[in-house]
Amino acid sequence: MIQGDLFPVGENISPVDVKTYMAEHEPESYQLLDVRQPKEFAESHLPGAVLIPVKELQDRLNEVDRHKPTFVY
């Protein structure tokens, strides 16, 4: 997670905790960031996820809303 009020910056949380968070919050209130390769993203990704491959992440951080909790996978 890049930033958020519920979980500290950089904290690793379980998929179960993310799923619970998603169920309890509106999709507009958080971000899902998929850092895998485009082929992997095309094969399967979470609804609403944004693709920014990990190799591009440093150059594309401006696309991440730092005011929302961001779950990276």
N, C-alpha and C. Protein backbone atom coordinates (compact mmCIF):
# COMPACT_ATOMS: atom_id res chain seq x y z
N MET A 1 0.84 -1.17 0.00
CA MET A 1 0.00 0.00 0.00
C MET A 1 0.89 1.24 0.00
N ILE A 2 0.55 2.18 -0.81
CA ILE A 2 1.35 3.39 -0.90
C ILE A 2 0.99 4.36 0.21
N GLN A 3 -0.30 4.61 0.40
CA GLN A 3 -0.69 5.53 1.47
C GLN A 3 -2.13 5.29 1.87
N GLY A 4 -2.43 5.53 3.10
CA GLY A 4 -3.81 5.41 3.57
C GLY A 4 -3.88 5.59 5.06
N ASP A 5 -5.08 5.79 5.57
CA ASP A 5 -5.26 6.01 6.99
C ASP A 5 -5.40 4.72 7.78
N LEU A 6 -5.93 3.67 7.13
CA LEU A 6 -6.19 2.43 7.85
C LEU A 6 -4.93 1.61 8.07
N PHE A 7 -4.11 1.50 7.06
CA PHE A 7 -2.89 0.71 7.13
C PHE A 7 -1.68 1.62 6.98
N PRO A 8 -0.64 1.40 7.75
CA PRO A 8 0.57 2.23 7.61
C PRO A 8 1.18 2.09 6.21
N VAL A 9 1.85 3.13 5.77
CA VAL A 9 2.52 3.13 4.47
C VAL A 9 3.48 1.95 4.40
N GLY A 10 3.37 1.20 3.32
CA GLY A 10 4.29 0.09 3.10
C GLY A 10 3.98 -1.18 3.85
N GLU A 11 2.88 -1.21 4.60
CA GLU A 11 2.54 -2.40 5.37
C GLU A 11 2.05 -3.51 4.43
N ASN A 12 2.52 -4.71 4.67
CA ASN A 12 2.00 -5.87 3.96
C ASN A 12 0.77 -6.36 4.70
N ILE A 13 -0.31 -6.53 3.95
CA ILE A 13 -1.53 -7.04 4.56
C ILE A 13 -1.99 -8.26 3.76
N SER A 14 -2.78 -9.07 4.38
CA SER A 14 -3.21 -10.31 3.75
C SER A 14 -4.29 -10.04 2.70
N PRO A 15 -4.40 -10.94 1.74
CA PRO A 15 -5.49 -10.82 0.76
C PRO A 15 -6.86 -10.79 1.43
N VAL A 16 -7.01 -11.51 2.52
CA VAL A 16 -8.29 -11.52 3.24
C VAL A 16 -8.60 -10.13 3.78
N ASP A 17 -7.58 -9.45 4.33
CA ASP A 17 -7.78 -8.09 4.85
C ASP A 17 -8.14 -7.12 3.73
N VAL A 18 -7.51 -7.27 2.58
CA VAL A 18 -7.82 -6.40 1.43
C VAL A 18 -9.25 -6.66 0.98
N LYS A 19 -9.62 -7.92 0.88
CA LYS A 19 -10.98 -8.27 0.45
C LYS A 19 -12.01 -7.70 1.42
N THR A 20 -11.75 -7.79 2.70
CA THR A 20 -12.64 -7.23 3.71
C THR A 20 -12.74 -5.71 3.54
N TYR A 21 -11.60 -5.06 3.38
CA TYR A 21 -11.58 -3.61 3.19
C TYR A 21 -12.42 -3.23 1.98
N MET A 22 -12.21 -3.94 0.87
CA MET A 22 -12.94 -3.64 -0.36
C MET A 22 -14.45 -3.82 -0.17
N ALA A 23 -14.84 -4.83 0.58
CA ALA A 23 -16.26 -5.08 0.82
C ALA A 23 -16.91 -4.00 1.67
N GLU A 24 -16.11 -3.36 2.51
CA GLU A 24 -16.63 -2.36 3.44
C GLU A 24 -16.52 -0.92 2.95
N HIS A 25 -15.89 -0.73 1.79
CA HIS A 25 -15.67 0.62 1.27
C HIS A 25 -16.10 0.72 -0.20
N GLU A 26 -16.48 1.90 -0.60
CA GLU A 26 -16.83 2.15 -1.99
C GLU A 26 -15.59 2.06 -2.87
N PRO A 27 -15.71 1.51 -4.08
CA PRO A 27 -14.55 1.37 -4.97
C PRO A 27 -13.82 2.69 -5.26
N GLU A 28 -14.54 3.80 -5.22
CA GLU A 28 -13.92 5.09 -5.50
C GLU A 28 -13.02 5.57 -4.36
N SER A 29 -13.11 4.90 -3.20
CA SER A 29 -12.37 5.37 -2.03
C SER A 29 -10.98 4.76 -1.90
N TYR A 30 -10.61 3.86 -2.79
CA TYR A 30 -9.30 3.21 -2.75
C TYR A 30 -8.85 2.90 -4.18
N GLN A 31 -7.59 2.50 -4.31
CA GLN A 31 -7.04 2.14 -5.62
C GLN A 31 -6.47 0.74 -5.58
N LEU A 32 -6.61 0.04 -6.69
CA LEU A 32 -5.96 -1.24 -6.89
C LEU A 32 -4.91 -1.05 -7.97
N LEU A 33 -3.68 -1.32 -7.64
CA LEU A 33 -2.58 -1.11 -8.56
C LEU A 33 -1.95 -2.45 -8.89
N ASP A 34 -2.08 -2.86 -10.14
CA ASP A 34 -1.52 -4.12 -10.62
C ASP A 34 -0.15 -3.82 -11.23
N VAL A 35 0.89 -4.37 -10.66
CA VAL A 35 2.26 -4.08 -11.12
C VAL A 35 2.85 -5.24 -11.93
N ARG A 36 1.99 -6.15 -12.36
CA ARG A 36 2.46 -7.27 -13.17
C ARG A 36 2.65 -6.82 -14.62
N GLN A 37 2.97 -7.74 -15.48
CA GLN A 37 3.17 -7.46 -16.89
C GLN A 37 1.83 -7.38 -17.62
N PRO A 38 1.77 -6.65 -18.74
CA PRO A 38 0.50 -6.50 -19.47
C PRO A 38 -0.17 -7.83 -19.83
N LYS A 39 0.59 -8.82 -20.19
CA LYS A 39 0.01 -10.13 -20.54
C LYS A 39 -0.70 -10.73 -19.33
N GLU A 40 -0.07 -10.64 -18.17
CA GLU A 40 -0.68 -11.16 -16.94
C GLU A 40 -1.96 -10.39 -16.61
N PHE A 41 -1.90 -9.08 -16.78
CA PHE A 41 -3.07 -8.22 -16.52
C PHE A 41 -4.21 -8.60 -17.45
N ALA A 42 -3.90 -8.80 -18.73
CA ALA A 42 -4.92 -9.15 -19.72
C ALA A 42 -5.56 -10.50 -19.41
N GLU A 43 -4.78 -11.42 -18.88
CA GLU A 43 -5.29 -12.75 -18.55
C GLU A 43 -6.23 -12.72 -17.36
N SER A 44 -5.89 -11.92 -16.37
CA SER A 44 -6.75 -11.78 -15.19
C SER A 44 -6.27 -10.61 -14.34
N HIS A 45 -7.24 -9.85 -13.87
CA HIS A 45 -6.95 -8.76 -12.94
C HIS A 45 -8.21 -8.47 -12.14
N LEU A 46 -8.02 -7.78 -11.05
CA LEU A 46 -9.15 -7.40 -10.21
C LEU A 46 -9.93 -6.28 -10.89
N PRO A 47 -11.26 -6.33 -10.85
CA PRO A 47 -12.05 -5.25 -11.44
C PRO A 47 -11.65 -3.89 -10.86
N GLY A 48 -11.45 -2.94 -11.74
CA GLY A 48 -11.09 -1.59 -11.32
C GLY A 48 -9.60 -1.36 -11.15
N ALA A 49 -8.80 -2.41 -11.30
CA ALA A 49 -7.35 -2.27 -11.12
C ALA A 49 -6.74 -1.46 -12.27
N VAL A 50 -5.70 -0.74 -11.94
CA VAL A 50 -4.93 0.02 -12.91
C VAL A 50 -3.60 -0.70 -13.11
N LEU A 51 -3.22 -0.86 -14.36
CA LEU A 51 -1.96 -1.52 -14.68
C LEU A 51 -0.83 -0.50 -14.78
N ILE A 52 0.17 -0.66 -13.94
CA ILE A 52 1.44 0.06 -14.06
C ILE A 52 2.52 -0.97 -13.76
N PRO A 53 3.11 -1.57 -14.80
CA PRO A 53 4.14 -2.58 -14.55
C PRO A 53 5.23 -2.06 -13.63
N VAL A 54 5.72 -2.93 -12.78
CA VAL A 54 6.68 -2.52 -11.75
C VAL A 54 7.87 -1.78 -12.33
N LYS A 55 8.32 -2.14 -13.51
CA LYS A 55 9.46 -1.46 -14.12
C LYS A 55 9.13 -0.02 -14.51
N GLU A 56 7.85 0.30 -14.65
CA GLU A 56 7.42 1.64 -15.02
C GLU A 56 6.95 2.47 -13.82
N LEU A 57 6.83 1.83 -12.69
CA LEU A 57 6.20 2.47 -11.54
C LEU A 57 6.87 3.77 -11.13
N GLN A 58 8.17 3.80 -11.03
CA GLN A 58 8.88 5.01 -10.60
C GLN A 58 8.56 6.20 -11.51
N ASP A 59 8.47 5.94 -12.82
CA ASP A 59 8.19 7.02 -13.77
C ASP A 59 6.72 7.39 -13.86
N ARG A 60 5.84 6.57 -13.29
CA ARG A 60 4.40 6.80 -13.42
C ARG A 60 3.69 7.04 -12.09
N LEU A 61 4.46 7.33 -11.06
CA LEU A 61 3.84 7.57 -9.75
C LEU A 61 2.84 8.71 -9.75
N ASN A 62 2.97 9.62 -10.71
CA ASN A 62 2.03 10.73 -10.80
C ASN A 62 0.62 10.24 -11.14
N GLU A 63 0.48 9.00 -11.58
CA GLU A 63 -0.83 8.43 -11.90
C GLU A 63 -1.51 7.84 -10.67
N VAL A 64 -0.81 7.78 -9.56
CA VAL A 64 -1.35 7.21 -8.33
C VAL A 64 -1.83 8.34 -7.42
N ASP A 65 -3.07 8.22 -6.99
CA ASP A 65 -3.64 9.22 -6.07
C ASP A 65 -3.10 8.92 -4.67
N ARG A 66 -2.21 9.74 -4.20
CA ARG A 66 -1.57 9.52 -2.90
C ARG A 66 -2.50 9.80 -1.72
N HIS A 67 -3.70 10.24 -1.99
CA HIS A 67 -4.65 10.52 -0.91
C HIS A 67 -5.61 9.36 -0.67
N LYS A 68 -5.49 8.32 -1.46
CA LYS A 68 -6.35 7.15 -1.30
C LYS A 68 -5.50 5.95 -0.88
N PRO A 69 -6.06 5.06 -0.09
CA PRO A 69 -5.36 3.81 0.18
C PRO A 69 -5.14 3.10 -1.16
N THR A 70 -3.95 2.59 -1.35
CA THR A 70 -3.58 1.93 -2.60
C THR A 70 -3.08 0.54 -2.30
N PHE A 71 -3.74 -0.43 -2.87
CA PHE A 71 -3.35 -1.82 -2.71
C PHE A 71 -2.61 -2.26 -3.96
N VAL A 72 -1.38 -2.69 -3.76
CA VAL A 72 -0.50 -3.05 -4.87
C VAL A 72 -0.36 -4.56 -4.90
N TYR A 73 -0.52 -5.12 -6.10
CA TYR A 73 -0.33 -6.56 -6.25
C TYR A 73 0.30 -6.87 -7.59
